[in-house]
Amino acid sequence: MEPVLVTGAAGGRQGSTGRHLTAQLLGRGIPVRALVHTDDVRASVLRALGAKVVVGDIRDYATIRGALDGVRCAYFTYPVTDGLLDAAGAFAVAAREAGVERVVSISQLAAGPQALTPRMRQHWVAEQLLDWAGIGAIHLRAAVFHENLARIADTGDGNTLTMPMGPPHTELPLVAASDVARVAAALLADPQLAADPVILLAGDVLTIEAAAHALGRTYRDTDPDDWHRWALEFYGSRHAAEHLTKLWEIFRLLGEGTGLYQVTPDIEQYGGHPPITLADFTIHRPGH
């Protein structure tokens, strides 16, 4: 059986979909070639699970081309930092030359050429690059990960979720990283499984007040500039800080009751059971 290449397999500070996907594919008995940027304890865990670990930079064509040898299906993801289009370009060319038949990529819910954050526009360009390559690309446009919101909630005094989201009724679309990975696993386990080229994934839609309550916190609005300064230090990345600050601004401007965000059926259709709500995620996450 050919291995599936999983990029971002070690998992990072966002949703860690690559780590979830690696475990899920191995659980199905599908061999995994796990691409990681650093050979650290996370890579050791992947080896212990049974994955073959490849260490390298996904932005480097030679690295990704070698990792794709003998691979029919692959997963593309890139952290919220600089370099997305470099990585997508190298991956698209390498996958095309390797004869890859299906690629599942992670994108963002509102990705598009006129999207309101640079990161969302970059995701749309990355989608076009993968489509151009003719490698059977399917783009999972995911909502805000439960994990990201919980990480913010775990800072500060532990009692307050402080974000620049405006009034407490501002709506927020959310999804569990493990649910995104389950959809990806189904599509990669069976490259003949029919699917639309773009799949929207939202597993929960809550007001920011309700989201804070689900995390055991009280919501508190804050000035976007203050939050941006905090995010620069917290994430250590100007790219991440600017993207997230703008993202929260978009939700704040949209407000509530627009009907724009809805729980999507594809998580249950491909993943096999209903999506994990933020409340369920909170109950089962470590330490809670």
C-alpha atoms as a PDB file:
ATOM      1  CA  MET A   1       0.000   0.000   0.000  1.00  0.00           C
ATOM      2  CA  GLU A   2       1.358   3.430  -0.955  1.00  0.00           C
ATOM      3  CA  PRO A   3       1.978   5.814   1.934  1.00  0.00           C
ATOM      4  CA  VAL A   4       0.094   9.070   2.333  1.00  0.00           C
ATOM      5  CA  LEU A   5       2.328  12.107   2.745  1.00  0.00           C
ATOM      6  CA  VAL A   6       1.209  14.340   5.604  1.00  0.00           C
ATOM      7  CA  THR A   7       2.849  17.748   5.852  1.00  0.00           C
ATOM      8  CA  GLY A   8       2.751  19.638   9.130  1.00  0.00           C
ATOM      9  CA  ALA A   9       2.594  16.250  10.833  1.00  0.00           C
ATOM     10  CA  ALA A  10       4.275  17.352  14.052  1.00  0.00           C
ATOM     11  CA  GLY A  11       1.545  19.865  14.790  1.00  0.00           C
ATOM     12  CA  GLY A  12       2.027  23.489  15.719  1.00  0.00           C
ATOM     13  CA  ARG A  13       0.373  26.181  17.780  1.00  0.00           C
ATOM     14  CA  GLN A  14      -2.760  26.337  15.664  1.00  0.00           C
ATOM     15  CA  GLY A  15      -5.061  23.354  15.141  1.00  0.00           C
ATOM     16  CA  SER A  16      -2.400  20.665  14.544  1.00  0.00           C
ATOM     17  CA  THR A  17      -4.529  18.979  11.888  1.00  0.00           C
ATOM     18  CA  GLY A  18      -1.483  17.187  10.486  1.00  0.00           C
ATOM     19  CA  ARG A  19      -0.837  15.460  13.808  1.00  0.00           C
ATOM     20  CA  HIS A  20      -4.486  14.427  14.141  1.00  0.00           C
ATOM     21  CA  LEU A  21      -4.539  13.195  10.543  1.00  0.00           C
ATOM     22  CA  THR A  22      -1.378  11.124  10.964  1.00  0.00           C
ATOM     23  CA  ALA A  23      -2.872   9.286  13.940  1.00  0.00           C
ATOM     24  CA  GLN A  24      -6.196   8.764  12.171  1.00  0.00           C
ATOM     25  CA  LEU A  25      -4.644   7.363   8.986  1.00  0.00           C
ATOM     26  CA  LEU A  26      -2.369   5.038  10.949  1.00  0.00           C
ATOM     27  CA  GLY A  27      -5.438   3.915  12.898  1.00  0.00           C
ATOM     28  CA  ARG A  28      -7.008   2.928   9.571  1.00  0.00           C
ATOM     29  CA  GLY A  29      -3.929   0.865   8.735  1.00  0.00           C
ATOM     30  CA  ILE A  30      -2.712   3.322   6.100  1.00  0.00           C
ATOM     31  CA  PRO A  31       1.049   3.964   6.095  1.00  0.00           C
ATOM     32  CA  VAL A  32       2.034   7.595   6.631  1.00  0.00           C
ATOM     33  CA  ARG A  33       5.112   9.492   5.534  1.00  0.00           C
ATOM     34  CA  ALA A  34       5.194  12.401   7.963  1.00  0.00           C
ATOM     35  CA  LEU A  35       6.984  15.587   6.927  1.00  0.00           C
ATOM     36  CA  VAL A  36       8.214  17.654   9.880  1.00  0.00           C
ATOM     37  CA  HIS A  37      10.312  20.791  10.013  1.00  0.00           C
ATOM     38  CA  THR A  38      12.290  19.825  13.128  1.00  0.00           C
ATOM     39  CA  ASP A  39      13.363  16.441  14.472  1.00  0.00           C
ATOM     40  CA  ASP A  40      12.208  16.917  18.063  1.00  0.00           C
ATOM     41  CA  VAL A  41      10.097  15.065  20.619  1.00  0.00           C
ATOM     42  CA  ARG A  42       6.999  15.488  18.437  1.00  0.00           C
ATOM     43  CA  ALA A  43       8.756  13.626  15.633  1.00  0.00           C
ATOM     44  CA  SER A  44       9.685  10.871  18.088  1.00  0.00           C
ATOM     45  CA  VAL A  45       6.012  10.499  18.989  1.00  0.00           C
ATOM     46  CA  LEU A  46       5.132  10.145  15.297  1.00  0.00           C
ATOM     47  CA  ARG A  47       7.748   7.401  14.909  1.00  0.00           C
ATOM     48  CA  ALA A  48       6.355   5.638  17.957  1.00  0.00           C
ATOM     49  CA  LEU A  49       2.913   5.704  16.331  1.00  0.00           C
ATOM     50  CA  GLY A  50       4.357   4.016  13.252  1.00  0.00           C
ATOM     51  CA  ALA A  51       4.883   6.907  10.829  1.00  0.00           C
ATOM     52  CA  LYS A  52       7.990   7.220   8.675  1.00  0.00           C
ATOM     53  CA  VAL A  53       9.329  10.678   9.498  1.00  0.00           C
ATOM     54  CA  VAL A  54      10.955  12.924   6.893  1.00  0.00           C
ATOM     55  CA  VAL A  55      12.654  16.082   8.167  1.00  0.00           C
ATOM     56  CA  GLY A  56      12.789  19.138   5.926  1.00  0.00           C
ATOM     57  CA  ASP A  57      11.348  22.455   4.813  1.00  0.00           C
ATOM     58  CA  ILE A  58       8.155  22.211   2.750  1.00  0.00           C
ATOM     59  CA  ARG A  59       9.195  25.398   0.934  1.00  0.00           C
ATOM     60  CA  ASP A  60      12.217  23.568  -0.489  1.00  0.00           C
ATOM     61  CA  TYR A  61      11.396  21.873  -3.792  1.00  0.00           C
ATOM     62  CA  ALA A  62      14.042  19.141  -3.450  1.00  0.00           C
ATOM     63  CA  THR A  63      12.774  18.197  -0.004  1.00  0.00           C
ATOM     64  CA  ILE A  64       9.133  17.965  -0.970  1.00  0.00           C
ATOM     65  CA  ARG A  65       9.871  16.221  -4.271  1.00  0.00           C
ATOM     66  CA  GLY A  66      11.793  13.489  -2.452  1.00  0.00           C
ATOM     67  CA  ALA A  67       9.071  13.149   0.170  1.00  0.00           C
ATOM     68  CA  LEU A  68       6.472  12.606  -2.582  1.00  0.00           C
ATOM     69  CA  ASP A  69       8.271   9.693  -4.282  1.00  0.00           C
ATOM     70  CA  GLY A  70       5.877   6.750  -4.475  1.00  0.00           C
ATOM     71  CA  VAL A  71       3.011   8.760  -3.008  1.00  0.00           C
ATOM     72  CA  ARG A  72      -0.468   8.750  -4.512  1.00  0.00           C
ATOM     73  CA  CYS A  73      -2.239  10.983  -1.974  1.00  0.00           C
ATOM     74  CA  ALA A  74      -0.961  13.867   0.130  1.00  0.00           C
ATOM     75  CA  TYR A  75      -2.041  16.475   2.668  1.00  0.00           C
ATOM     76  CA  PHE A  76      -0.939  20.099   2.431  1.00  0.00           C
ATOM     77  CA  THR A  77      -0.978  22.524   5.329  1.00  0.00           C
ATOM     78  CA  TYR A  78       1.152  25.465   6.373  1.00  0.00           C
ATOM     79  CA  PRO A  79       1.264  27.399   9.667  1.00  0.00           C
ATOM     80  CA  VAL A  80      -0.013  30.949  10.093  1.00  0.00           C
ATOM     81  CA  THR A  81       3.299  32.599   9.297  1.00  0.00           C
ATOM     82  CA  ASP A  82       5.172  33.892   6.275  1.00  0.00           C
ATOM     83  CA  GLY A  83       5.859  31.509   3.389  1.00  0.00           C
ATOM     84  CA  LEU A  84       2.484  30.012   2.454  1.00  0.00           C
ATOM     85  CA  LEU A  85       2.774  30.762  -1.262  1.00  0.00           C
ATOM     86  CA  ASP A  86       6.407  29.592  -1.396  1.00  0.00           C
ATOM     87  CA  ALA A  87       5.302  26.301   0.149  1.00  0.00           C
ATOM     88  CA  ALA A  88       2.241  25.941  -2.096  1.00  0.00           C
ATOM     89  CA  GLY A  89       4.284  26.620  -5.238  1.00  0.00           C
ATOM     90  CA  ALA A  90       6.995  24.111  -4.387  1.00  0.00           C
ATOM     91  CA  PHE A  91       4.411  21.528  -3.344  1.00  0.00           C
ATOM     92  CA  ALA A  92       2.294  21.988  -6.494  1.00  0.00           C
ATOM     93  CA  VAL A  93       5.237  21.527  -8.859  1.00  0.00           C
ATOM     94  CA  ALA A  94       6.645  18.582  -6.935  1.00  0.00           C
ATOM     95  CA  ALA A  95       3.260  16.834  -6.660  1.00  0.00           C
ATOM     96  CA  ARG A  96       2.604  17.296 -10.368  1.00  0.00           C
ATOM     97  CA  GLU A  97       5.983  15.786 -11.278  1.00  0.00           C
ATOM     98  CA  ALA A  98       5.502  12.923  -8.828  1.00  0.00           C
ATOM     99  CA  GLY A  99       2.139  12.015 -10.380  1.00  0.00           C
ATOM    100  CA  VAL A 100       0.114  12.581  -7.209  1.00  0.00           C
ATOM    101  CA  GLU A 101      -3.589  11.884  -7.792  1.00  0.00           C
ATOM    102  CA  ARG A 102      -5.248  13.547  -4.790  1.00  0.00           C
ATOM    103  CA  VAL A 103      -4.205  16.363  -2.482  1.00  0.00           C
ATOM    104  CA  VAL A 104      -6.270  17.601   0.428  1.00  0.00           C
ATOM    105  CA  SER A 105      -5.296  21.106   1.496  1.00  0.00           C
ATOM    106  CA  ILE A 106      -6.294  23.295   4.416  1.00  0.00           C
ATOM    107  CA  SER A 107      -7.653  26.727   3.583  1.00  0.00           C
ATOM    108  CA  GLN A 108      -9.835  29.283   5.361  1.00  0.00           C
ATOM    109  CA  LEU A 109     -13.588  29.632   5.420  1.00  0.00           C
ATOM    110  CA  ALA A 110     -13.697  32.992   3.624  1.00  0.00           C
ATOM    111  CA  ALA A 111     -10.699  32.553   1.307  1.00  0.00           C
ATOM    112  CA  GLY A 112     -11.087  34.455  -1.948  1.00  0.00           C
ATOM    113  CA  PRO A 113      -9.464  37.039  -4.235  1.00  0.00           C
ATOM    114  CA  GLN A 114     -11.276  39.881  -2.458  1.00  0.00           C
ATOM    115  CA  ALA A 115     -11.042  38.451   1.065  1.00  0.00           C
ATOM    116  CA  LEU A 116     -10.509  40.964   3.836  1.00  0.00           C
ATOM    117  CA  THR A 117      -7.211  39.664   5.228  1.00  0.00           C
ATOM    118  CA  PRO A 118      -3.946  39.074   3.317  1.00  0.00           C
ATOM    119  CA  ARG A 119      -3.784  35.526   4.690  1.00  0.00           C
ATOM    120  CA  MET A 120      -7.211  34.677   3.264  1.00  0.00           C
ATOM    121  CA  ARG A 121      -6.181  36.057  -0.138  1.00  0.00           C
ATOM    122  CA  GLN A 122      -2.975  34.037   0.021  1.00  0.00           C
ATOM    123  CA  HIS A 123      -4.974  30.899   0.764  1.00  0.00           C
ATOM    124  CA  TRP A 124      -7.054  31.523  -2.350  1.00  0.00           C
ATOM    125  CA  VAL A 125      -3.900  31.917  -4.469  1.00  0.00           C
ATOM    126  CA  ALA A 126      -2.521  28.712  -2.946  1.00  0.00           C
ATOM    127  CA  GLU A 127      -5.744  26.950  -3.960  1.00  0.00           C
ATOM    128  CA  GLN A 128      -5.258  28.159  -7.535  1.00  0.00           C
ATOM    129  CA  LEU A 129      -1.668  26.878  -7.601  1.00  0.00           C
ATOM    130  CA  LEU A 130      -2.732  23.427  -6.444  1.00  0.00           C
ATOM    131  CA  ASP A 131      -5.623  23.370  -8.918  1.00  0.00           C
ATOM    132  CA  TRP A 132      -3.300  24.392 -11.761  1.00  0.00           C
ATOM    133  CA  ALA A 133      -1.042  21.434 -10.984  1.00  0.00           C
ATOM    134  CA  GLY A 134      -3.784  18.931 -11.876  1.00  0.00           C
ATOM    135  CA  ILE A 135      -3.257  16.832  -8.743  1.00  0.00           C
ATOM    136  CA  GLY A 136      -6.889  16.318  -7.726  1.00  0.00           C
ATOM    137  CA  ALA A 137      -6.837  19.052  -5.118  1.00  0.00           C
ATOM    138  CA  ILE A 138      -9.652  19.342  -2.577  1.00  0.00           C
ATOM    139  CA  HIS A 139      -9.597  22.425  -0.379  1.00  0.00           C
ATOM    140  CA  LEU A 140     -11.000  22.252   3.137  1.00  0.00           C
ATOM    141  CA  ARG A 141     -11.997  25.801   4.038  1.00  0.00           C
ATOM    142  CA  ALA A 142     -12.073  25.637   7.795  1.00  0.00           C
ATOM    143  CA  ALA A 143     -13.606  27.950  10.391  1.00  0.00           C
ATOM    144  CA  VAL A 144     -11.731  29.144  13.492  1.00  0.00           C
ATOM    145  CA  PHE A 145     -10.292  26.157  15.337  1.00  0.00           C
ATOM    146  CA  HIS A 146     -11.588  25.411  18.821  1.00  0.00           C
ATOM    147  CA  GLU A 147      -7.938  24.970  19.786  1.00  0.00           C
ATOM    148  CA  ASN A 148      -7.020  28.527  18.817  1.00  0.00           C
ATOM    149  CA  LEU A 149      -9.847  30.069  20.804  1.00  0.00           C
ATOM    150  CA  ALA A 150      -9.074  27.869  23.812  1.00  0.00           C
ATOM    151  CA  ARG A 151      -5.422  28.873  23.683  1.00  0.00           C
ATOM    152  CA  ILE A 152      -6.353  32.542  23.883  1.00  0.00           C
ATOM    153  CA  ALA A 153      -8.783  31.788  26.714  1.00  0.00           C
ATOM    154  CA  ASP A 154      -6.014  30.075  28.699  1.00  0.00           C
ATOM    155  CA  THR A 155      -3.993  33.295  28.925  1.00  0.00           C
ATOM    156  CA  GLY A 156      -4.441  36.096  31.435  1.00  0.00           C
ATOM    157  CA  ASP A 157      -6.307  35.522  34.677  1.00  0.00           C
ATOM    158  CA  GLY A 158      -7.995  32.309  33.557  1.00  0.00           C
ATOM    159  CA  ASN A 159     -11.434  33.800  34.100  1.00  0.00           C
ATOM    160  CA  THR A 160     -11.821  36.082  31.094  1.00  0.00           C
ATOM    161  CA  LEU A 161     -11.716  35.660  27.319  1.00  0.00           C
ATOM    162  CA  THR A 162     -10.366  39.015  26.163  1.00  0.00           C
ATOM    163  CA  MET A 163     -10.726  39.632  22.423  1.00  0.00           C
ATOM    164  CA  PRO A 164     -11.531  42.601  20.148  1.00  0.00           C
ATOM    165  CA  MET A 165     -14.828  41.111  18.983  1.00  0.00           C
ATOM    166  CA  GLY A 166     -17.109  44.000  19.855  1.00  0.00           C
ATOM    167  CA  PRO A 167     -20.489  43.296  21.502  1.00  0.00           C
ATOM    168  CA  PRO A 168     -21.124  39.916  23.155  1.00  0.00           C
ATOM    169  CA  HIS A 169     -23.609  38.878  20.453  1.00  0.00           C
ATOM    170  CA  THR A 170     -20.953  38.855  17.686  1.00  0.00           C
ATOM    171  CA  GLU A 171     -21.103  35.459  15.960  1.00  0.00           C
ATOM    172  CA  LEU A 172     -18.116  33.194  15.439  1.00  0.00           C
ATOM    173  CA  PRO A 173     -17.894  30.030  13.259  1.00  0.00           C
ATOM    174  CA  LEU A 174     -15.788  27.292  14.860  1.00  0.00           C
ATOM    175  CA  VAL A 175     -14.507  23.802  14.128  1.00  0.00           C
ATOM    176  CA  ALA A 176     -12.446  21.137  15.898  1.00  0.00           C
ATOM    177  CA  ALA A 177      -9.098  20.323  14.288  1.00  0.00           C
ATOM    178  CA  SER A 178      -9.824  16.621  14.758  1.00  0.00           C
ATOM    179  CA  ASP A 179     -13.034  17.006  12.729  1.00  0.00           C
ATOM    180  CA  VAL A 180     -11.124  18.653   9.889  1.00  0.00           C
ATOM    181  CA  ALA A 181      -8.626  15.805  10.062  1.00  0.00           C
ATOM    182  CA  ARG A 182     -11.441  13.203   9.933  1.00  0.00           C
ATOM    183  CA  VAL A 183     -12.735  14.699   6.707  1.00  0.00           C
ATOM    184  CA  ALA A 184      -9.221  14.731   5.274  1.00  0.00           C
ATOM    185  CA  ALA A 185      -8.636  11.131   6.378  1.00  0.00           C
ATOM    186  CA  ALA A 186     -11.750   9.921   4.567  1.00  0.00           C
ATOM    187  CA  LEU A 187     -10.762  11.697   1.357  1.00  0.00           C
ATOM    188  CA  LEU A 188      -7.160  10.478   1.470  1.00  0.00           C
ATOM    189  CA  ALA A 189      -8.004   6.901   2.440  1.00  0.00           C
ATOM    190  CA  ASP A 190     -10.110   6.566  -0.715  1.00  0.00           C
ATOM    191  CA  PRO A 191      -8.857   8.729  -3.611  1.00  0.00           C
ATOM    192  CA  GLN A 192     -11.904   7.657  -5.649  1.00  0.00           C
ATOM    193  CA  LEU A 193     -14.338   9.070  -3.106  1.00  0.00           C
ATOM    194  CA  ALA A 194     -16.324  11.814  -4.827  1.00  0.00           C
ATOM    195  CA  ALA A 195     -16.077  15.294  -3.332  1.00  0.00           C
ATOM    196  CA  ASP A 196     -16.454  18.913  -4.353  1.00  0.00           C
ATOM    197  CA  PRO A 197     -13.163  20.732  -4.944  1.00  0.00           C
ATOM    198  CA  VAL A 198     -14.014  23.174  -2.125  1.00  0.00           C
ATOM    199  CA  ILE A 199     -15.560  21.958   1.135  1.00  0.00           C
ATOM    200  CA  LEU A 200     -16.645  24.374   3.868  1.00  0.00           C
ATOM    201  CA  LEU A 201     -16.130  23.120   7.412  1.00  0.00           C
ATOM    202  CA  ALA A 202     -17.870  24.725  10.377  1.00  0.00           C
ATOM    203  CA  GLY A 203     -18.880  22.548  13.310  1.00  0.00           C
ATOM    204  CA  ASP A 204     -20.322  25.139  15.660  1.00  0.00           C
ATOM    205  CA  VAL A 205     -21.611  28.718  15.398  1.00  0.00           C
ATOM    206  CA  LEU A 206     -21.758  30.682  18.656  1.00  0.00           C
ATOM    207  CA  THR A 207     -21.842  34.224  19.873  1.00  0.00           C
ATOM    208  CA  ILE A 208     -18.525  35.232  21.403  1.00  0.00           C
ATOM    209  CA  GLU A 209     -20.277  35.437  24.775  1.00  0.00           C
ATOM    210  CA  ALA A 210     -21.544  31.857  24.443  1.00  0.00           C
ATOM    211  CA  ALA A 211     -18.121  30.697  23.252  1.00  0.00           C
ATOM    212  CA  ALA A 212     -16.467  32.258  26.281  1.00  0.00           C
ATOM    213  CA  HIS A 213     -19.038  30.592  28.545  1.00  0.00           C
ATOM    214  CA  ALA A 214     -18.372  27.197  26.923  1.00  0.00           C
ATOM    215  CA  LEU A 215     -14.701  27.683  27.791  1.00  0.00           C
ATOM    216  CA  GLY A 216     -15.569  28.604  31.375  1.00  0.00           C
ATOM    217  CA  ARG A 217     -14.754  32.264  30.848  1.00  0.00           C
ATOM    218  CA  THR A 218     -16.488  35.638  30.765  1.00  0.00           C
ATOM    219  CA  TYR A 219     -16.125  37.589  27.532  1.00  0.00           C
ATOM    220  CA  ARG A 220     -14.484  41.001  27.651  1.00  0.00           C
ATOM    221  CA  ASP A 221     -14.112  43.256  24.612  1.00  0.00           C
ATOM    222  CA  THR A 222     -10.807  45.061  24.100  1.00  0.00           C
ATOM    223  CA  ASP A 223      -9.314  47.629  21.755  1.00  0.00           C
ATOM    224  CA  PRO A 224      -7.989  46.021  18.518  1.00  0.00           C
ATOM    225  CA  ASP A 225      -4.678  47.896  18.757  1.00  0.00           C
ATOM    226  CA  ASP A 226      -4.162  46.682  22.313  1.00  0.00           C
ATOM    227  CA  TRP A 227      -4.973  43.109  21.285  1.00  0.00           C
ATOM    228  CA  HIS A 228      -2.590  43.366  18.313  1.00  0.00           C
ATOM    229  CA  ARG A 229       0.256  44.416  20.613  1.00  0.00           C
ATOM    230  CA  TRP A 230      -0.545  41.505  22.916  1.00  0.00           C
ATOM    231  CA  ALA A 231      -0.702  39.076  19.954  1.00  0.00           C
ATOM    232  CA  LEU A 232       2.698  40.190  18.646  1.00  0.00           C
ATOM    233  CA  GLU A 233       4.265  39.078  21.907  1.00  0.00           C
ATOM    234  CA  PHE A 234       2.082  36.017  22.412  1.00  0.00           C
ATOM    235  CA  TYR A 235       2.476  34.502  18.929  1.00  0.00           C
ATOM    236  CA  GLY A 236       5.913  35.894  18.187  1.00  0.00           C
ATOM    237  CA  SER A 237       4.800  36.473  14.599  1.00  0.00           C
ATOM    238  CA  ARG A 238       3.734  39.697  12.944  1.00  0.00           C
ATOM    239  CA  HIS A 239       1.978  37.625  10.275  1.00  0.00           C
ATOM    240  CA  ALA A 240      -0.190  35.812  12.824  1.00  0.00           C
ATOM    241  CA  ALA A 241      -0.899  38.918  14.880  1.00  0.00           C
ATOM    242  CA  GLU A 242      -1.996  40.989  11.896  1.00  0.00           C
ATOM    243  CA  HIS A 243      -4.114  38.203  10.392  1.00  0.00           C
ATOM    244  CA  LEU A 244      -5.962  37.408  13.610  1.00  0.00           C
ATOM    245  CA  THR A 245      -6.545  41.030  14.554  1.00  0.00           C
ATOM    246  CA  LYS A 246      -8.093  41.653  11.139  1.00  0.00           C
ATOM    247  CA  LEU A 247     -10.086  38.425  11.349  1.00  0.00           C
ATOM    248  CA  TRP A 248     -11.693  39.425  14.653  1.00  0.00           C
ATOM    249  CA  GLU A 249     -12.478  42.826  13.135  1.00  0.00           C
ATOM    250  CA  ILE A 250     -14.366  41.137  10.299  1.00  0.00           C
ATOM    251  CA  PHE A 251     -16.511  39.142  12.711  1.00  0.00           C
ATOM    252  CA  ARG A 252     -17.119  42.258  14.797  1.00  0.00           C
ATOM    253  CA  LEU A 253     -18.330  44.185  11.740  1.00  0.00           C
ATOM    254  CA  LEU A 254     -20.617  41.351  10.640  1.00  0.00           C
ATOM    255  CA  GLY A 255     -22.237  41.190  14.078  1.00  0.00           C
ATOM    256  CA  GLU A 256     -25.002  38.631  14.625  1.00  0.00           C
ATOM    257  CA  GLY A 257     -27.986  37.142  12.875  1.00  0.00           C
ATOM    258  CA  THR A 258     -26.607  37.413   9.352  1.00  0.00           C
ATOM    259  CA  GLY A 259     -27.062  33.721   8.577  1.00  0.00           C
ATOM    260  CA  LEU A 260     -23.666  33.848   6.899  1.00  0.00           C
ATOM    261  CA  TYR A 261     -22.225  31.085   9.083  1.00  0.00           C
ATOM    262  CA  GLN A 262     -23.894  27.714   9.476  1.00  0.00           C
ATOM    263  CA  VAL A 263     -22.860  24.274  10.663  1.00  0.00           C
ATOM    264  CA  THR A 264     -21.891  22.394   7.497  1.00  0.00           C
ATOM    265  CA  PRO A 265     -23.009  18.806   6.757  1.00  0.00           C
ATOM    266  CA  ASP A 266     -19.686  17.586   5.335  1.00  0.00           C
ATOM    267  CA  ILE A 267     -18.114  16.792   8.700  1.00  0.00           C
ATOM    268  CA  GLU A 268     -20.777  14.186   9.402  1.00  0.00           C
ATOM    269  CA  GLN A 269     -20.956  13.079   5.761  1.00  0.00           C
ATOM    270  CA  TYR A 270     -17.242  12.348   5.420  1.00  0.00           C
ATOM    271  CA  GLY A 271     -16.181  12.069   9.041  1.00  0.00           C
ATOM    272  CA  GLY A 272     -18.868   9.641  10.112  1.00  0.00           C
ATOM    273  CA  HIS A 273     -20.439  11.475  13.062  1.00  0.00           C
ATOM    274  CA  PRO A 274     -21.706  14.943  13.951  1.00  0.00           C
ATOM    275  CA  PRO A 275     -19.151  17.678  14.537  1.00  0.00           C
ATOM    276  CA  ILE A 276     -17.605  18.283  17.934  1.00  0.00           C
ATOM    277  CA  THR A 277     -19.110  21.358  19.554  1.00  0.00           C
ATOM    278  CA  LEU A 278     -16.979  23.807  21.504  1.00  0.00           C
ATOM    279  CA  ALA A 279     -18.688  22.633  24.698  1.00  0.00           C
ATOM    280  CA  ASP A 280     -17.796  18.997  23.937  1.00  0.00           C
ATOM    281  CA  PHE A 281     -14.244  19.978  23.035  1.00  0.00           C
ATOM    282  CA  THR A 282     -13.844  21.824  26.335  1.00  0.00           C
ATOM    283  CA  ILE A 283     -15.052  18.848  28.379  1.00  0.00           C
ATOM    284  CA  HIS A 284     -12.587  16.471  26.766  1.00  0.00           C
ATOM    285  CA  ARG A 285      -9.462  18.584  26.385  1.00  0.00           C
ATOM    286  CA  PRO A 286      -6.549  17.782  28.744  1.00  0.00           C
ATOM    287  CA  GLY A 287      -6.717  19.417  32.150  1.00  0.00           C
ATOM    288  CA  HIS A 288     -10.473  20.093  31.985  1.00  0.00           C
END
